N, C-alpha and C. Protein backbone atom coordinates (compact mmCIF):
# COMPACT_ATOMS: atom_id res chain seq x y z
N MET A 1 11.33 -5.70 -1.39
CA MET A 1 12.46 -6.23 -0.68
C MET A 1 13.68 -5.30 -0.83
N MET A 2 13.82 -4.75 -2.03
CA MET A 2 14.96 -3.84 -2.25
C MET A 2 14.83 -2.61 -1.36
N ALA A 3 13.61 -2.11 -1.21
CA ALA A 3 13.42 -0.92 -0.39
C ALA A 3 13.79 -1.18 1.07
N VAL A 4 13.58 -2.41 1.53
CA VAL A 4 13.92 -2.77 2.90
C VAL A 4 15.43 -2.74 3.11
N PHE A 5 16.18 -3.21 2.12
CA PHE A 5 17.63 -3.28 2.25
C PHE A 5 18.35 -1.99 1.87
N THR A 6 17.65 -1.02 1.30
CA THR A 6 18.30 0.21 0.85
C THR A 6 19.03 0.95 1.97
N PRO A 7 18.43 1.17 3.14
CA PRO A 7 19.19 1.87 4.20
C PRO A 7 20.47 1.14 4.59
N TYR A 8 20.41 -0.19 4.65
CA TYR A 8 21.60 -0.98 4.97
C TYR A 8 22.67 -0.80 3.89
N MET A 9 22.25 -0.85 2.64
CA MET A 9 23.19 -0.71 1.53
C MET A 9 23.86 0.67 1.56
N LEU A 10 23.08 1.70 1.82
CA LEU A 10 23.63 3.06 1.81
C LEU A 10 24.61 3.28 2.96
N ARG A 11 24.42 2.58 4.09
CA ARG A 11 25.32 2.73 5.24
C ARG A 11 26.59 1.93 5.12
N THR A 12 26.50 0.73 4.54
CA THR A 12 27.62 -0.20 4.65
C THR A 12 28.45 -0.35 3.38
N GLU A 13 27.93 0.02 2.24
CA GLU A 13 28.64 -0.22 0.98
C GLU A 13 29.37 1.03 0.52
N PRO A 14 30.40 0.87 -0.31
CA PRO A 14 31.09 2.03 -0.89
C PRO A 14 30.12 2.85 -1.75
N THR A 15 30.50 4.07 -2.01
CA THR A 15 29.62 5.00 -2.72
C THR A 15 29.20 4.47 -4.08
N TRP A 16 30.14 3.90 -4.84
CA TRP A 16 29.79 3.45 -6.18
C TRP A 16 28.80 2.29 -6.14
N GLN A 17 28.90 1.43 -5.13
CA GLN A 17 27.94 0.33 -5.02
C GLN A 17 26.57 0.84 -4.56
N ALA A 18 26.58 1.82 -3.67
CA ALA A 18 25.31 2.41 -3.23
C ALA A 18 24.62 3.12 -4.40
N ALA A 19 25.40 3.80 -5.24
CA ALA A 19 24.83 4.47 -6.41
C ALA A 19 24.25 3.44 -7.38
N ALA A 20 24.97 2.35 -7.59
CA ALA A 20 24.47 1.28 -8.46
C ALA A 20 23.19 0.68 -7.89
N TRP A 21 23.13 0.52 -6.58
CA TRP A 21 21.93 -0.01 -5.93
C TRP A 21 20.75 0.94 -6.16
N LEU A 22 20.97 2.23 -6.03
CA LEU A 22 19.88 3.19 -6.24
C LEU A 22 19.42 3.19 -7.69
N VAL A 23 20.35 3.01 -8.63
CA VAL A 23 19.97 2.91 -10.04
C VAL A 23 19.10 1.67 -10.26
N MET A 24 19.50 0.55 -9.68
CA MET A 24 18.69 -0.68 -9.81
C MET A 24 17.32 -0.50 -9.15
N LEU A 25 17.28 0.15 -8.01
CA LEU A 25 16.01 0.39 -7.33
C LEU A 25 15.09 1.26 -8.19
N THR A 26 15.64 2.31 -8.78
CA THR A 26 14.87 3.19 -9.65
C THR A 26 14.36 2.43 -10.87
N ALA A 27 15.21 1.62 -11.46
CA ALA A 27 14.80 0.83 -12.63
C ALA A 27 13.70 -0.16 -12.27
N THR A 28 13.80 -0.76 -11.10
CA THR A 28 12.78 -1.71 -10.66
C THR A 28 11.43 -1.02 -10.46
N VAL A 29 11.45 0.12 -9.80
CA VAL A 29 10.21 0.86 -9.57
C VAL A 29 9.61 1.31 -10.89
N THR A 30 10.44 1.80 -11.79
CA THR A 30 9.96 2.24 -13.11
C THR A 30 9.41 1.05 -13.89
N GLY A 31 10.11 -0.07 -13.83
CA GLY A 31 9.65 -1.27 -14.52
C GLY A 31 8.33 -1.79 -14.01
N LEU A 32 8.06 -1.60 -12.75
CA LEU A 32 6.77 -2.01 -12.18
C LEU A 32 5.68 -0.99 -12.45
N ALA A 33 6.02 0.27 -12.39
CA ALA A 33 5.02 1.32 -12.53
C ALA A 33 4.55 1.49 -13.98
N THR A 34 5.42 1.27 -14.93
CA THR A 34 5.06 1.49 -16.33
C THR A 34 3.91 0.61 -16.81
N PRO A 35 3.95 -0.70 -16.62
CA PRO A 35 2.80 -1.50 -17.07
C PRO A 35 1.51 -1.20 -16.29
N ILE A 36 1.65 -0.86 -15.02
CA ILE A 36 0.45 -0.51 -14.24
C ILE A 36 -0.18 0.75 -14.79
N ARG A 37 0.65 1.75 -15.07
CA ARG A 37 0.14 3.00 -15.63
C ARG A 37 -0.47 2.78 -17.01
N ALA A 38 0.17 1.96 -17.82
CA ALA A 38 -0.35 1.67 -19.15
C ALA A 38 -1.72 0.98 -19.05
N GLU A 39 -1.85 0.03 -18.14
CA GLU A 39 -3.12 -0.64 -17.95
C GLU A 39 -4.22 0.33 -17.55
N LEU A 40 -3.91 1.24 -16.65
CA LEU A 40 -4.90 2.24 -16.23
C LEU A 40 -5.30 3.14 -17.39
N LEU A 41 -4.33 3.53 -18.21
CA LEU A 41 -4.65 4.36 -19.38
C LEU A 41 -5.52 3.61 -20.38
N PHE A 42 -5.21 2.33 -20.63
CA PHE A 42 -6.02 1.54 -21.56
C PHE A 42 -7.43 1.35 -21.04
N ARG A 43 -7.59 1.14 -19.76
CA ARG A 43 -8.94 1.01 -19.18
C ARG A 43 -9.72 2.31 -19.37
N GLY A 44 -9.05 3.44 -19.16
CA GLY A 44 -9.71 4.72 -19.35
C GLY A 44 -10.14 4.93 -20.80
N LEU A 45 -9.29 4.53 -21.74
CA LEU A 45 -9.64 4.65 -23.15
C LEU A 45 -10.81 3.74 -23.51
N GLU A 46 -10.82 2.52 -22.97
CA GLU A 46 -11.93 1.61 -23.22
C GLU A 46 -13.23 2.19 -22.69
N ARG A 47 -13.17 2.73 -21.49
CA ARG A 47 -14.36 3.30 -20.86
C ARG A 47 -14.87 4.48 -21.69
N ASP A 48 -13.97 5.33 -22.17
CA ASP A 48 -14.36 6.48 -22.98
C ASP A 48 -14.98 6.05 -24.30
N SER A 49 -14.40 5.03 -24.94
CA SER A 49 -14.93 4.59 -26.23
C SER A 49 -16.28 3.92 -26.05
N ARG A 50 -16.49 3.18 -24.97
CA ARG A 50 -17.80 2.56 -24.73
C ARG A 50 -18.86 3.61 -24.46
N SER A 51 -18.52 4.64 -23.71
CA SER A 51 -19.52 5.67 -23.41
C SER A 51 -19.82 6.50 -24.65
N ALA A 52 -18.84 6.70 -25.53
CA ALA A 52 -19.09 7.45 -26.77
C ALA A 52 -20.00 6.65 -27.70
N VAL A 53 -19.85 5.34 -27.75
CA VAL A 53 -20.71 4.49 -28.59
C VAL A 53 -22.12 4.47 -28.03
N ALA A 54 -22.26 4.43 -26.72
CA ALA A 54 -23.58 4.39 -26.09
C ALA A 54 -24.35 5.70 -26.31
N GLU A 55 -23.65 6.81 -26.44
CA GLU A 55 -24.32 8.09 -26.62
C GLU A 55 -24.84 8.28 -28.02
N THR A 56 -24.29 7.58 -29.00
CA THR A 56 -24.73 7.80 -30.38
C THR A 56 -25.94 7.00 -30.74
């Protein structure tokens, strides 16, 4: 939803509010991407440890 309103915010709001909006947008994207990336890394580690146990 924030990405949809970003062009409107950048056109209509003062510079400091647009900058604050971009900071919030970046924080939101980072906050969503971090747990997803962590989950993918943990799955990869689980897969590697299971295959190492199966080989021995």
